[in-house]
Amino acid sequence: MAHGDITHLEIPVDDFDRAKAFYSTVFGWQINDTEGFDDYPTWQAPNGVSGGALSKRGEGFTQPRSIVEVDSIDESLRQVEELGGTVTVPKESITPTSWWAVFTDPEGNSVGLFEGEM
């Protein structure tokens, strides 16, 4: 993926079993638990390209959220704040070679950022 590509779609859920059954039936998604990430089952679309995760609905996470790949989360967050957005989840490590963060844009939308390799 390249800078600016949407790499992942997170969908907030209240009941993982119900959500897994729903999305696998309606869209044919393959949904599997993710080792090391409790309550974050990942899904893969039938095309083998699109994917994302189901995540526990919570404060600040009530609507689906796109995750966008960037070359530098630090630089992207600097630009977000400069242009009127708000950092809502600072840069955090996923693995030793990957990071994520979340911001709210000036329109009130929550957008995630991803940097690195999985």
PDB file of N, CA and C in Angstrom:
ATOM      1  N   MET A   1       0.839  -1.177   0.000  1.00  0.00           N
ATOM      2  CA  MET A   1       0.000   0.000   0.000  1.00  0.00           C
ATOM      3  C   MET A   1       0.886   1.243   0.000  1.00  0.00           C
ATOM      4  N   ALA A   2       0.311   2.311  -0.462  1.00  0.00           N
ATOM      5  CA  ALA A   2       1.061   3.564  -0.544  1.00  0.00           C
ATOM      6  C   ALA A   2       0.427   4.623   0.340  1.00  0.00           C
ATOM      7  N   HIS A   3       1.189   5.692   0.578  1.00  0.00           N
ATOM      8  CA  HIS A   3       0.710   6.820   1.369  1.00  0.00           C
ATOM      9  C   HIS A   3      -0.654   7.278   0.855  1.00  0.00           C
ATOM     10  N   GLY A   4      -1.632   7.331   1.749  1.00  0.00           N
ATOM     11  CA  GLY A   4      -2.966   7.793   1.389  1.00  0.00           C
ATOM     12  C   GLY A   4      -3.949   6.684   1.052  1.00  0.00           C
ATOM     13  N   ASP A   5      -3.488   5.439   0.911  1.00  0.00           N
ATOM     14  CA  ASP A   5      -4.398   4.334   0.623  1.00  0.00           C
ATOM     15  C   ASP A   5      -5.182   3.956   1.878  1.00  0.00           C
ATOM     16  N   ILE A   6      -6.465   3.644   1.704  1.00  0.00           N
ATOM     17  CA  ILE A   6      -7.251   3.106   2.807  1.00  0.00           C
ATOM     18  C   ILE A   6      -6.890   1.636   2.918  1.00  0.00           C
ATOM     19  N   THR A   7      -6.387   1.250   4.088  1.00  0.00           N
ATOM     20  CA  THR A   7      -5.867  -0.098   4.261  1.00  0.00           C
ATOM     21  C   THR A   7      -6.774  -1.011   5.074  1.00  0.00           C
ATOM     22  N   HIS A   8      -7.746  -0.420   5.773  1.00  0.00           N
ATOM     23  CA  HIS A   8      -8.439  -1.199   6.791  1.00  0.00           C
ATOM     24  C   HIS A   8      -9.740  -0.476   7.124  1.00  0.00           C
ATOM     25  N   LEU A   9     -10.779  -1.210   7.438  1.00  0.00           N
ATOM     26  CA  LEU A   9     -12.038  -0.626   7.893  1.00  0.00           C
ATOM     27  C   LEU A   9     -12.415  -1.282   9.212  1.00  0.00           C
ATOM     28  N   GLU A  10     -12.511  -0.479  10.270  1.00  0.00           N
ATOM     29  CA  GLU A  10     -12.922  -0.980  11.572  1.00  0.00           C
ATOM     30  C   GLU A  10     -14.421  -0.742  11.748  1.00  0.00           C
ATOM     31  N   ILE A  11     -15.120  -1.774  12.207  1.00  0.00           N
ATOM     32  CA  ILE A  11     -16.554  -1.679  12.420  1.00  0.00           C
ATOM     33  C   ILE A  11     -16.838  -1.906  13.903  1.00  0.00           C
ATOM     34  N   PRO A  12     -17.465  -0.929  14.579  1.00  0.00           N
ATOM     35  CA  PRO A  12     -17.764  -1.102  15.998  1.00  0.00           C
ATOM     36  C   PRO A  12     -18.932  -2.066  16.197  1.00  0.00           C
ATOM     37  N   VAL A  13     -18.806  -2.938  17.191  1.00  0.00           N
ATOM     38  CA  VAL A  13     -19.857  -3.921  17.468  1.00  0.00           C
ATOM     39  C   VAL A  13     -20.071  -4.044  18.973  1.00  0.00           C
ATOM     40  N   ASP A  14     -21.268  -4.515  19.327  1.00  0.00           N
ATOM     41  CA  ASP A  14     -21.591  -4.810  20.720  1.00  0.00           C
ATOM     42  C   ASP A  14     -21.513  -6.305  21.005  1.00  0.00           C
ATOM     43  N   ASP A  15     -21.815  -7.125  19.999  1.00  0.00           N
ATOM     44  CA  ASP A  15     -21.861  -8.583  20.157  1.00  0.00           C
ATOM     45  C   ASP A  15     -21.035  -9.216  19.028  1.00  0.00           C
ATOM     46  N   PHE A  16     -19.854  -9.720  19.356  1.00  0.00           N
ATOM     47  CA  PHE A  16     -18.955 -10.250  18.336  1.00  0.00           C
ATOM     48  C   PHE A  16     -19.557 -11.428  17.581  1.00  0.00           C
ATOM     49  N   ASP A  17     -20.180 -12.356  18.281  1.00  0.00           N
ATOM     50  CA  ASP A  17     -20.753 -13.522  17.608  1.00  0.00           C
ATOM     51  C   ASP A  17     -21.845 -13.105  16.624  1.00  0.00           C
ATOM     52  N   ARG A  18     -22.707 -12.211  17.047  1.00  0.00           N
ATOM     53  CA  ARG A  18     -23.778 -11.732  16.168  1.00  0.00           C
ATOM     54  C   ARG A  18     -23.193 -11.018  14.948  1.00  0.00           C
ATOM     55  N   ALA A  19     -22.200 -10.155  15.164  1.00  0.00           N
ATOM     56  CA  ALA A  19     -21.582  -9.401  14.062  1.00  0.00           C
ATOM     57  C   ALA A  19     -20.850 -10.340  13.101  1.00  0.00           C
ATOM     58  N   LYS A  20     -20.138 -11.332  13.638  1.00  0.00           N
ATOM     59  CA  LYS A  20     -19.438 -12.293  12.778  1.00  0.00           C
ATOM     60  C   LYS A  20     -20.424 -13.030  11.884  1.00  0.00           C
ATOM     61  N   ALA A  21     -21.522 -13.503  12.476  1.00  0.00           N
ATOM     62  CA  ALA A  21     -22.532 -14.233  11.701  1.00  0.00           C
ATOM     63  C   ALA A  21     -23.152 -13.327  10.639  1.00  0.00           C
ATOM     64  N   PHE A  22     -23.453 -12.097  11.003  1.00  0.00           N
ATOM     65  CA  PHE A  22     -24.088 -11.151  10.084  1.00  0.00           C
ATOM     66  C   PHE A  22     -23.193 -10.863   8.877  1.00  0.00           C
ATOM     67  N   TYR A  23     -21.963 -10.399   9.118  1.00  0.00           N
ATOM     68  CA  TYR A  23     -21.087  -9.979   8.025  1.00  0.00           C
ATOM     69  C   TYR A  23     -20.571 -11.147   7.188  1.00  0.00           C
ATOM     70  N   SER A  24     -20.356 -12.291   7.810  1.00  0.00           N
ATOM     71  CA  SER A  24     -19.906 -13.430   7.006  1.00  0.00           C
ATOM     72  C   SER A  24     -21.023 -13.926   6.096  1.00  0.00           C
ATOM     73  N   THR A  25     -22.272 -13.834   6.555  1.00  0.00           N
ATOM     74  CA  THR A  25     -23.398 -14.260   5.730  1.00  0.00           C
ATOM     75  C   THR A  25     -23.724 -13.248   4.638  1.00  0.00           C
ATOM     76  N   VAL A  26     -23.832 -11.977   5.012  1.00  0.00           N
ATOM     77  CA  VAL A  26     -24.236 -10.949   4.048  1.00  0.00           C
ATOM     78  C   VAL A  26     -23.167 -10.711   2.980  1.00  0.00           C
ATOM     79  N   PHE A  27     -21.896 -10.640   3.372  1.00  0.00           N
ATOM     80  CA  PHE A  27     -20.835 -10.277   2.435  1.00  0.00           C
ATOM     81  C   PHE A  27     -19.876 -11.408   2.082  1.00  0.00           C
ATOM     82  N   GLY A  28     -19.976 -12.541   2.751  1.00  0.00           N
ATOM     83  CA  GLY A  28     -19.052 -13.631   2.490  1.00  0.00           C
ATOM     84  C   GLY A  28     -17.668 -13.395   3.077  1.00  0.00           C
ATOM     85  N   TRP A  29     -17.580 -12.502   4.063  1.00  0.00           N
ATOM     86  CA  TRP A  29     -16.291 -12.213   4.680  1.00  0.00           C
ATOM     87  C   TRP A  29     -15.808 -13.405   5.491  1.00  0.00           C
ATOM     88  N   GLN A  30     -14.508 -13.671   5.420  1.00  0.00           N
ATOM     89  CA  GLN A  30     -13.856 -14.637   6.286  1.00  0.00           C
ATOM     90  C   GLN A  30     -13.428 -13.868   7.531  1.00  0.00           C
ATOM     91  N   ILE A  31     -13.954 -14.244   8.690  1.00  0.00           N
ATOM     92  CA  ILE A  31     -13.674 -13.514   9.925  1.00  0.00           C
ATOM     93  C   ILE A  31     -12.978 -14.452  10.898  1.00  0.00           C
ATOM     94  N   ASN A  32     -11.802 -14.032  11.378  1.00  0.00           N
ATOM     95  CA  ASN A  32     -10.999 -14.863  12.268  1.00  0.00           C
ATOM     96  C   ASN A  32     -10.505 -14.055  13.449  1.00  0.00           C
ATOM     97  N   ASP A  33     -10.370 -14.730  14.598  1.00  0.00           N
ATOM     98  CA  ASP A  33      -9.763 -14.080  15.750  1.00  0.00           C
ATOM     99  C   ASP A  33      -8.313 -13.759  15.422  1.00  0.00           C
ATOM    100  N   THR A  34      -7.806 -12.715  16.025  1.00  0.00           N
ATOM    101  CA  THR A  34      -6.460 -12.257  15.754  1.00  0.00           C
ATOM    102  C   THR A  34      -5.574 -12.546  16.955  1.00  0.00           C
ATOM    103  N   GLU A  35      -4.597 -13.412  16.759  1.00  0.00           N
ATOM    104  CA  GLU A  35      -3.699 -13.792  17.851  1.00  0.00           C
ATOM    105  C   GLU A  35      -3.008 -12.550  18.410  1.00  0.00           C
ATOM    106  N   GLY A  36      -3.058 -12.412  19.724  1.00  0.00           N
ATOM    107  CA  GLY A  36      -2.414 -11.288  20.386  1.00  0.00           C
ATOM    108  C   GLY A  36      -3.277 -10.045  20.483  1.00  0.00           C
ATOM    109  N   PHE A  37      -4.445 -10.046  19.824  1.00  0.00           N
ATOM    110  CA  PHE A  37      -5.333  -8.890  19.856  1.00  0.00           C
ATOM    111  C   PHE A  37      -6.730  -9.362  20.239  1.00  0.00           C
ATOM    112  N   ASP A  38      -6.991  -9.454  21.544  1.00  0.00           N
ATOM    113  CA  ASP A  38      -8.302  -9.886  22.022  1.00  0.00           C
ATOM    114  C   ASP A  38      -9.371  -8.899  21.563  1.00  0.00           C
ATOM    115  N   ASP A  39     -10.549  -9.414  21.297  1.00  0.00           N
ATOM    116  CA  ASP A  39     -11.686  -8.593  20.881  1.00  0.00           C
ATOM    117  C   ASP A  39     -11.369  -7.734  19.660  1.00  0.00           C
ATOM    118  N   TYR A  40     -10.649  -8.314  18.686  1.00  0.00           N
ATOM    119  CA  TYR A  40     -10.332  -7.603  17.455  1.00  0.00           C
ATOM    120  C   TYR A  40     -10.264  -8.601  16.303  1.00  0.00           C
ATOM    121  N   PRO A  41     -11.389  -9.330  16.067  1.00  0.00           N
ATOM    122  CA  PRO A  41     -11.373 -10.286  14.955  1.00  0.00           C
ATOM    123  C   PRO A  41     -11.252  -9.553  13.620  1.00  0.00           C
ATOM    124  N   THR A  42     -10.387 -10.048  12.774  1.00  0.00           N
ATOM    125  CA  THR A  42     -10.182  -9.404  11.475  1.00  0.00           C
ATOM    126  C   THR A  42     -10.989 -10.102  10.399  1.00  0.00           C
ATOM    127  N   TRP A  43     -11.355  -9.339   9.376  1.00  0.00           N
ATOM    128  CA  TRP A  43     -12.123  -9.897   8.270  1.00  0.00           C
ATOM    129  C   TRP A  43     -11.393  -9.653   6.963  1.00  0.00           C
ATOM    130  N   GLN A  44     -11.623 -10.553   6.039  1.00  0.00           N
ATOM    131  CA  GLN A  44     -11.058 -10.464   4.691  1.00  0.00           C
ATOM    132  C   GLN A  44     -12.207 -10.628   3.710  1.00  0.00           C
ATOM    133  N   ALA A  45     -12.307  -9.717   2.759  1.00  0.00           N
ATOM    134  CA  ALA A  45     -13.350  -9.792   1.740  1.00  0.00           C
ATOM    135  C   ALA A  45     -13.025 -10.909   0.754  1.00  0.00           C
ATOM    136  N   PRO A  46     -14.029 -11.394   0.034  1.00  0.00           N
ATOM    137  CA  PRO A  46     -13.797 -12.469  -0.929  1.00  0.00           C
ATOM    138  C   PRO A  46     -12.755 -12.128  -1.996  1.00  0.00           C
ATOM    139  N   ASN A  47     -12.556 -10.830  -2.289  1.00  0.00           N
ATOM    140  CA  ASN A  47     -11.565 -10.457  -3.302  1.00  0.00           C
ATOM    141  C   ASN A  47     -10.131 -10.632  -2.803  1.00  0.00           C
ATOM    142  N   GLY A  48      -9.975 -10.895  -1.504  1.00  0.00           N
ATOM    143  CA  GLY A  48      -8.651 -11.102  -0.937  1.00  0.00           C
ATOM    144  C   GLY A  48      -7.854  -9.831  -0.748  1.00  0.00           C
ATOM    145  N   VAL A  49      -8.411  -8.697  -1.136  1.00  0.00           N
ATOM    146  CA  VAL A  49      -7.698  -7.426  -1.028  1.00  0.00           C
ATOM    147  C   VAL A  49      -8.224  -6.599   0.129  1.00  0.00           C
ATOM    148  N   SER A  50      -9.525  -6.413   0.190  1.00  0.00           N
ATOM    149  CA  SER A  50     -10.136  -5.587   1.225  1.00  0.00           C
ATOM    150  C   SER A  50     -10.148  -6.326   2.549  1.00  0.00           C
ATOM    151  N   GLY A  51     -10.037  -5.558   3.623  1.00  0.00           N
ATOM    152  CA  GLY A  51     -10.081  -6.173   4.934  1.00  0.00           C
ATOM    153  C   GLY A  51     -10.256  -5.153   6.026  1.00  0.00           C
ATOM    154  N   GLY A  52     -10.388  -5.660   7.229  1.00  0.00           N
ATOM    155  CA  GLY A  52     -10.570  -4.786   8.375  1.00  0.00           C
ATOM    156  C   GLY A  52     -10.758  -5.601   9.623  1.00  0.00           C
ATOM    157  N   ALA A  53     -11.477  -5.026  10.565  1.00  0.00           N
ATOM    158  CA  ALA A  53     -11.682  -5.702  11.842  1.00  0.00           C
ATOM    159  C   ALA A  53     -13.000  -5.282  12.458  1.00  0.00           C
ATOM    160  N   LEU A  54     -13.483  -6.146  13.341  1.00  0.00           N
ATOM    161  CA  LEU A  54     -14.595  -5.810  14.206  1.00  0.00           C
ATOM    162  C   LEU A  54     -13.969  -5.416  15.532  1.00  0.00           C
ATOM    163  N   SER A  55     -14.470  -4.347  16.134  1.00  0.00           N
ATOM    164  CA  SER A  55     -13.873  -3.861  17.366  1.00  0.00           C
ATOM    165  C   SER A  55     -14.984  -3.453  18.332  1.00  0.00           C
ATOM    166  N   LYS A  56     -14.730  -3.585  19.599  1.00  0.00           N
ATOM    167  CA  LYS A  56     -15.729  -3.271  20.615  1.00  0.00           C
ATOM    168  C   LYS A  56     -16.127  -1.799  20.531  1.00  0.00           C
ATOM    169  N   ARG A  57     -17.432  -1.580  20.417  1.00  0.00           N
ATOM    170  CA  ARG A  57     -17.959  -0.213  20.412  1.00  0.00           C
ATOM    171  C   ARG A  57     -17.628   0.431  21.758  1.00  0.00           C
ATOM    172  N   GLY A  58     -17.201   1.688  21.715  1.00  0.00           N
ATOM    173  CA  GLY A  58     -16.868   2.373  22.950  1.00  0.00           C
ATOM    174  C   GLY A  58     -16.844   3.871  22.760  1.00  0.00           C
ATOM    175  N   GLU A  59     -16.468   4.547  23.817  1.00  0.00           N
ATOM    176  CA  GLU A  59     -16.412   5.998  23.789  1.00  0.00           C
ATOM    177  C   GLU A  59     -15.511   6.468  22.648  1.00  0.00           C
ATOM    178  N   GLY A  60     -16.048   7.310  21.798  1.00  0.00           N
ATOM    179  CA  GLY A  60     -15.286   7.820  20.670  1.00  0.00           C
ATOM    180  C   GLY A  60     -15.228   6.871  19.484  1.00  0.00           C
ATOM    181  N   PHE A  61     -15.810   5.693  19.617  1.00  0.00           N
ATOM    182  CA  PHE A  61     -15.804   4.736  18.510  1.00  0.00           C
ATOM    183  C   PHE A  61     -17.198   4.148  18.365  1.00  0.00           C
ATOM    184  N   THR A  62     -18.049   4.898  17.676  1.00  0.00           N
ATOM    185  CA  THR A  62     -19.447   4.497  17.524  1.00  0.00           C
ATOM    186  C   THR A  62     -19.849   4.326  16.064  1.00  0.00           C
ATOM    187  N   GLN A  63     -18.993   4.715  15.146  1.00  0.00           N
ATOM    188  CA  GLN A  63     -19.260   4.603  13.711  1.00  0.00           C
ATOM    189  C   GLN A  63     -18.058   3.927  13.039  1.00  0.00           C
ATOM    190  N   PRO A  64     -18.268   3.283  11.881  1.00  0.00           N
ATOM    191  CA  PRO A  64     -17.126   2.688  11.181  1.00  0.00           C
ATOM    192  C   PRO A  64     -16.010   3.716  10.950  1.00  0.00           C
ATOM    193  N   ARG A  65     -14.773   3.215  11.002  1.00  0.00           N
ATOM    194  CA  ARG A  65     -13.611   4.097  10.874  1.00  0.00           C
ATOM    195  C   ARG A  65     -12.643   3.525   9.857  1.00  0.00           C
ATOM    196  N   SER A  66     -12.312   4.332   8.854  1.00  0.00           N
ATOM    197  CA  SER A  66     -11.301   3.948   7.875  1.00  0.00           C
ATOM    198  C   SER A  66      -9.914   4.185   8.460  1.00  0.00           C
ATOM    199  N   ILE A  67      -8.999   3.287   8.115  1.00  0.00           N
ATOM    200  CA  ILE A  67      -7.606   3.426   8.513  1.00  0.00           C
ATOM    201  C   ILE A  67      -6.809   3.712   7.240  1.00  0.00           C
ATOM    202  N   VAL A  68      -6.061   4.801   7.253  1.00  0.00           N
ATOM    203  CA  VAL A  68      -5.323   5.254   6.082  1.00  0.00           C
ATOM    204  C   VAL A  68      -3.827   5.077   6.328  1.00  0.00           C
ATOM    205  N   GLU A  69      -3.137   4.480   5.364  1.00  0.00           N
ATOM    206  CA  GLU A  69      -1.691   4.309   5.485  1.00  0.00           C
ATOM    207  C   GLU A  69      -0.987   5.626   5.179  1.00  0.00           C
ATOM    208  N   VAL A  70       0.015   5.943   5.991  1.00  0.00           N
ATOM    209  CA  VAL A  70       0.812   7.157   5.785  1.00  0.00           C
ATOM    210  C   VAL A  70       2.294   6.815   5.907  1.00  0.00           C
ATOM    211  N   ASP A  71       3.113   7.680   5.332  1.00  0.00           N
ATOM    212  CA  ASP A  71       4.562   7.488   5.438  1.00  0.00           C
ATOM    213  C   ASP A  71       5.056   7.798   6.850  1.00  0.00           C
ATOM    214  N   SER A  72       4.426   8.785   7.498  1.00  0.00           N
ATOM    215  CA  SER A  72       4.844   9.197   8.828  1.00  0.00           C
ATOM    216  C   SER A  72       3.623   9.642   9.637  1.00  0.00           C
ATOM    217  N   ILE A  73       3.304   8.894  10.667  1.00  0.00           N
ATOM    218  CA  ILE A  73       2.200   9.294  11.536  1.00  0.00           C
ATOM    219  C   ILE A  73       2.528  10.618  12.208  1.00  0.00           C
ATOM    220  N   ASP A  74       3.772  10.776  12.655  1.00  0.00           N
ATOM    221  CA  ASP A  74       4.147  12.028  13.326  1.00  0.00           C
ATOM    222  C   ASP A  74       3.884  13.233  12.427  1.00  0.00           C
ATOM    223  N   GLU A  75       4.300  13.161  11.175  1.00  0.00           N
ATOM    224  CA  GLU A  75       4.096  14.269  10.241  1.00  0.00           C
ATOM    225  C   GLU A  75       2.611  14.465   9.943  1.00  0.00           C
ATOM    226  N   SER A  76       1.891  13.365   9.764  1.00  0.00           N
ATOM    227  CA  SER A  76       0.457  13.466   9.474  1.00  0.00           C
ATOM    228  C   SER A  76      -0.295  14.101  10.636  1.00  0.00           C
ATOM    229  N   LEU A  77       0.024  13.705  11.869  1.00  0.00           N
ATOM    230  CA  LEU A  77      -0.648  14.294  13.025  1.00  0.00           C
ATOM    231  C   LEU A  77      -0.301  15.763  13.180  1.00  0.00           C
ATOM    232  N   ARG A  78       0.922  16.127  12.833  1.00  0.00           N
ATOM    233  CA  ARG A  78       1.299  17.540  12.873  1.00  0.00           C
ATOM    234  C   ARG A  78       0.417  18.328  11.910  1.00  0.00           C
ATOM    235  N   GLN A  79       0.229  17.805  10.700  1.00  0.00           N
ATOM    236  CA  GLN A  79      -0.605  18.472   9.709  1.00  0.00           C
ATOM    237  C   GLN A  79      -2.067  18.510  10.143  1.00  0.00           C
ATOM    238  N   VAL A  80      -2.548  17.412  10.725  1.00  0.00           N
ATOM    239  CA  VAL A  80      -3.928  17.357  11.220  1.00  0.00           C
ATOM    240  C   VAL A  80      -4.183  18.516  12.175  1.00  0.00           C
ATOM    241  N   GLU A  81      -3.309  18.676  13.165  1.00  0.00           N
ATOM    242  CA  GLU A  81      -3.498  19.737  14.154  1.00  0.00           C
ATOM    243  C   GLU A  81      -3.349  21.120  13.532  1.00  0.00           C
ATOM    244  N   GLU A  82      -2.407  21.261  12.627  1.00  0.00           N
ATOM    245  CA  GLU A  82      -2.192  22.534  11.951  1.00  0.00           C
ATOM    246  C   GLU A  82      -3.429  22.966  11.159  1.00  0.00           C
ATOM    247  N   LEU A  83      -4.159  21.987  10.632  1.00  0.00           N
ATOM    248  CA  LEU A  83      -5.314  22.275   9.782  1.00  0.00           C
ATOM    249  C   LEU A  83      -6.648  22.193  10.529  1.00  0.00           C
ATOM    250  N   GLY A  84      -6.605  22.137  11.864  1.00  0.00           N
ATOM    251  CA  GLY A  84      -7.834  22.215  12.647  1.00  0.00           C
ATOM    252  C   GLY A  84      -8.398  20.901  13.136  1.00  0.00           C
ATOM    253  N   GLY A  85      -7.696  19.790  12.904  1.00  0.00           N
ATOM    254  CA  GLY A  85      -8.138  18.502  13.422  1.00  0.00           C
ATOM    255  C   GLY A  85      -7.623  18.295  14.838  1.00  0.00           C
ATOM    256  N   THR A  86      -8.075  17.202  15.460  1.00  0.00           N
ATOM    257  CA  THR A  86      -7.701  16.889  16.835  1.00  0.00           C
ATOM    258  C   THR A  86      -7.200  15.454  16.916  1.00  0.00           C
ATOM    259  N   VAL A  87      -6.063  15.266  17.554  1.00  0.00           N
ATOM    260  CA  VAL A  87      -5.556  13.909  17.788  1.00  0.00           C
ATOM    261  C   VAL A  87      -6.378  13.304  18.918  1.00  0.00           C
ATOM    262  N   THR A  88      -7.027  12.169  18.657  1.00  0.00           N
ATOM    263  CA  THR A  88      -7.851  11.527  19.682  1.00  0.00           C
ATOM    264  C   THR A  88      -7.194  10.276  20.266  1.00  0.00           C
ATOM    265  N   VAL A  89      -6.349   9.610  19.494  1.00  0.00           N
ATOM    266  CA  VAL A  89      -5.524   8.512  20.002  1.00  0.00           C
ATOM    267  C   VAL A  89      -4.114   8.775  19.488  1.00  0.00           C
ATOM    268  N   PRO A  90      -3.178   9.125  20.376  1.00  0.00           N
ATOM    269  CA  PRO A  90      -1.815   9.389  19.927  1.00  0.00           C
ATOM    270  C   PRO A  90      -1.174   8.140  19.323  1.00  0.00           C
ATOM    271  N   LYS A  91      -0.069   8.330  18.645  1.00  0.00           N
ATOM    272  CA  LYS A  91       0.668   7.235  18.019  1.00  0.00           C
ATOM    273  C   LYS A  91       0.969   6.149  19.051  1.00  0.00           C
ATOM    274  N   GLU A  92       0.570   4.908  18.703  1.00  0.00           N
ATOM    275  CA  GLU A  92       0.823   3.751  19.564  1.00  0.00           C
ATOM    276  C   GLU A  92       1.401   2.627  18.720  1.00  0.00           C
ATOM    277  N   SER A  93       2.220   1.803  19.346  1.00  0.00           N
ATOM    278  CA  SER A  93       2.834   0.668  18.669  1.00  0.00           C
ATOM    279  C   SER A  93       1.832  -0.471  18.526  1.00  0.00           C
ATOM    280  N   ILE A  94       1.829  -1.098  17.337  1.00  0.00           N
ATOM    281  CA  ILE A  94       1.066  -2.326  17.112  1.00  0.00           C
ATOM    282  C   ILE A  94       2.026  -3.507  17.211  1.00  0.00           C
ATOM    283  N   THR A  95       3.119  -3.405  16.448  1.00  0.00           N
ATOM    284  CA  THR A  95       4.215  -4.372  16.471  1.00  0.00           C
ATOM    285  C   THR A  95       5.504  -3.551  16.521  1.00  0.00           C
ATOM    286  N   PRO A  96       6.660  -4.196  16.597  1.00  0.00           N
ATOM    287  CA  PRO A  96       7.899  -3.415  16.586  1.00  0.00           C
ATOM    288  C   PRO A  96       8.109  -2.600  15.304  1.00  0.00           C
ATOM    289  N   THR A  97       7.387  -2.927  14.229  1.00  0.00           N
ATOM    290  CA  THR A  97       7.579  -2.200  12.967  1.00  0.00           C
ATOM    291  C   THR A  97       6.299  -1.545  12.451  1.00  0.00           C
ATOM    292  N   SER A  98       5.296  -1.373  13.321  1.00  0.00           N
ATOM    293  CA  SER A  98       4.063  -0.719  12.871  1.00  0.00           C
ATOM    294  C   SER A  98       3.407   0.059  14.009  1.00  0.00           C
ATOM    295  N   TRP A  99       2.709   1.140  13.625  1.00  0.00           N
ATOM    296  CA  TRP A  99       2.075   2.037  14.572  1.00  0.00           C
ATOM    297  C   TRP A  99       0.715   2.472  14.055  1.00  0.00           C
ATOM    298  N   TRP A 100      -0.126   2.982  14.946  1.00  0.00           N
ATOM    299  CA  TRP A 100      -1.416   3.525  14.557  1.00  0.00           C
ATOM    300  C   TRP A 100      -1.723   4.739  15.415  1.00  0.00           C
ATOM    301  N   ALA A 101      -2.676   5.534  14.979  1.00  0.00           N
ATOM    302  CA  ALA A 101      -3.171   6.695  15.706  1.00  0.00           C
ATOM    303  C   ALA A 101      -4.551   7.017  15.149  1.00  0.00           C
ATOM    304  N   VAL A 102      -5.287   7.872  15.846  1.00  0.00           N
ATOM    305  CA  VAL A 102      -6.609   8.279  15.396  1.00  0.00           C
ATOM    306  C   VAL A 102      -6.735   9.780  15.575  1.00  0.00           C
ATOM    307  N   PHE A 103      -7.394  10.413  14.615  1.00  0.00           N
ATOM    308  CA  PHE A 103      -7.689  11.837  14.744  1.00  0.00           C
ATOM    309  C   PHE A 103      -9.140  12.095  14.377  1.00  0.00           C
ATOM    310  N   THR A 104      -9.622  13.258  14.783  1.00  0.00           N
ATOM    311  CA  THR A 104     -10.940  13.733  14.363  1.00  0.00           C
ATOM    312  C   THR A 104     -10.701  14.914  13.451  1.00  0.00           C
ATOM    313  N   ASP A 105     -11.303  14.863  12.265  1.00  0.00           N
ATOM    314  CA  ASP A 105     -11.117  15.964  11.311  1.00  0.00           C
ATOM    315  C   ASP A 105     -12.005  17.148  11.698  1.00  0.00           C
ATOM    316  N   PRO A 106     -11.828  18.313  11.064  1.00  0.00           N
ATOM    317  CA  PRO A 106     -12.636  19.482  11.416  1.00  0.00           C
ATOM    318  C   PRO A 106     -14.147  19.291  11.195  1.00  0.00           C
ATOM    319  N   GLU A 107     -14.529  18.242  10.462  1.00  0.00           N
ATOM    320  CA  GLU A 107     -15.951  17.958  10.226  1.00  0.00           C
ATOM    321  C   GLU A 107     -16.524  16.995  11.264  1.00  0.00           C
ATOM    322  N   GLY A 108     -15.680  16.511  12.201  1.00  0.00           N
ATOM    323  CA  GLY A 108     -16.138  15.612  13.251  1.00  0.00           C
ATOM    324  C   GLY A 108     -15.995  14.136  12.946  1.00  0.00           C
ATOM    325  N   ASN A 109     -15.323  13.792  11.839  1.00  0.00           N
ATOM    326  CA  ASN A 109     -15.129  12.394  11.459  1.00  0.00           C
ATOM    327  C   ASN A 109     -13.885  11.811  12.118  1.00  0.00           C
ATOM    328  N   SER A 110     -14.000  10.574  12.565  1.00  0.00           N
ATOM    329  CA  SER A 110     -12.879   9.853  13.142  1.00  0.00           C
ATOM    330  C   SER A 110     -12.170   9.065  12.040  1.00  0.00           C
ATOM    331  N   VAL A 111     -10.846   9.253  11.934  1.00  0.00           N
ATOM    332  CA  VAL A 111     -10.042   8.593  10.908  1.00  0.00           C
ATOM    333  C   VAL A 111      -8.802   8.019  11.581  1.00  0.00           C
ATOM    334  N   GLY A 112      -8.471   6.781  11.233  1.00  0.00           N
ATOM    335  CA  GLY A 112      -7.278   6.154  11.772  1.00  0.00           C
ATOM    336  C   GLY A 112      -6.105   6.275  10.807  1.00  0.00           C
ATOM    337  N   LEU A 113      -4.907   6.203  11.366  1.00  0.00           N
ATOM    338  CA  LEU A 113      -3.675   6.225  10.584  1.00  0.00           C
ATOM    339  C   LEU A 113      -2.881   4.956  10.869  1.00  0.00           C
ATOM    340  N   PHE A 114      -2.193   4.463   9.856  1.00  0.00           N
ATOM    341  CA  PHE A 114      -1.319   3.306  10.000  1.00  0.00           C
ATOM    342  C   PHE A 114       0.008   3.616   9.332  1.00  0.00           C
ATOM    343  N   GLU A 115       1.094   3.243  10.013  1.00  0.00           N
ATOM    344  CA  GLU A 115       2.448   3.375   9.451  1.00  0.00           C
ATOM    345  C   GLU A 115       3.189   2.081   9.741  1.00  0.00           C
ATOM    346  N   GLY A 116       3.875   1.552   8.751  1.00  0.00           N
ATOM    347  CA  GLY A 116       4.735   0.407   8.989  1.00  0.00           C
ATOM    348  C   GLY A 116       4.381  -0.812   8.181  1.00  0.00           C
ATOM    349  N   GLU A 117       4.814  -1.962   8.710  1.00  0.00           N
ATOM    350  CA  GLU A 117       4.604  -3.259   8.061  1.00  0.00           C
ATOM    351  C   GLU A 117       3.971  -4.196   9.073  1.00  0.00           C
ATOM    352  N   MET A 118       3.084  -5.037   8.594  1.00  0.00           N
ATOM    353  CA  MET A 118       2.442  -6.028   9.479  1.00  0.00           C
ATOM    354  C   MET A 118       3.017  -7.396   9.214  1.00  0.00           C
TER     355      MET A 118
END
